[in-house]
Protein backbone atom coordinates (compact mmCIF):
# COMPACT_ATOMS: atom_id res chain seq x y z
CA MET A 1 -81.05 3.48 -22.06
CA LYS A 2 -78.29 2.39 -19.52
CA GLN A 3 -78.11 -1.45 -18.76
CA GLU A 4 -77.96 -0.65 -15.17
CA PHE A 5 -81.53 0.33 -15.11
CA TYR A 6 -82.49 -3.19 -16.21
CA TYR A 7 -79.61 -5.21 -14.71
CA ASN A 8 -81.26 -7.34 -11.74
CA GLN A 9 -84.47 -5.50 -12.12
CA ASN A 10 -87.79 -7.20 -13.02
CA HIS A 11 -90.18 -4.70 -14.24
CA GLN A 12 -92.46 -7.50 -15.91
CA ASP A 13 -95.04 -7.03 -13.37
CA ASP A 14 -95.04 -3.29 -13.05
CA SER A 15 -97.72 -1.18 -14.55
CA ILE A 16 -96.90 1.37 -17.03
CA ASP A 17 -97.18 4.10 -14.49
CA GLU A 18 -94.73 2.15 -12.09
CA PHE A 19 -92.32 1.69 -14.93
CA ILE A 20 -92.45 5.38 -15.87
CA ASP A 21 -91.91 6.31 -12.03
CA ALA A 22 -88.94 4.06 -11.77
CA LEU A 23 -87.46 5.51 -14.95
CA GLU A 24 -87.83 8.86 -14.07
CA ALA A 25 -86.25 8.27 -10.56
CA TYR A 26 -83.39 6.53 -12.33
CA LEU A 27 -82.97 9.39 -14.71
CA VAL A 28 -82.78 11.91 -11.84
CA TRP A 29 -80.37 9.86 -10.10
CA TYR A 30 -78.20 9.51 -13.08
CA ARG A 31 -78.26 13.19 -13.94
CA ASP A 32 -77.94 14.81 -10.62
CA GLU A 33 -76.91 12.44 -7.84
CA ARG A 34 -74.49 9.75 -8.94
CA ILE A 35 -70.85 10.60 -8.17
CA LYS A 36 -68.59 11.12 -11.18
CA THR A 37 -65.19 9.81 -10.35
CA GLU A 38 -63.50 12.42 -12.53
CA TYR A 39 -64.84 15.17 -10.25
CA GLY A 40 -65.29 13.24 -6.99
CA MET A 41 -68.84 14.70 -6.58
CA SER A 42 -72.14 14.56 -8.41
CA ILE A 43 -72.53 16.53 -11.82
CA ARG A 44 -74.96 18.77 -10.24
CA ARG A 45 -72.65 19.70 -7.34
CA HIS A 46 -69.70 20.11 -9.79
CA ARG A 47 -71.84 22.65 -11.80
CA GLN A 48 -72.83 24.40 -8.68
CA ALA A 49 -69.27 24.64 -7.62
CA LEU A 50 -68.31 26.31 -10.95
CA GLY A 51 -71.14 28.79 -10.72
CA LEU A 52 -72.94 27.25 -13.74
CA MET A 53 -76.06 26.49 -11.45
CA ALA A 54 -77.83 27.99 -8.58
């Protein structure tokens, strides 16, 4: 688990369902939306540009 998911976040008062929702949203962002400086775009867009994804 990445530290940035926890840094400046307080999940102490979250229910299990709220925590799972936050974690899933973070994982989608990390996998699909974050900008990778090596490519100058998100991983998903880079894979689409290479024709590896629809």
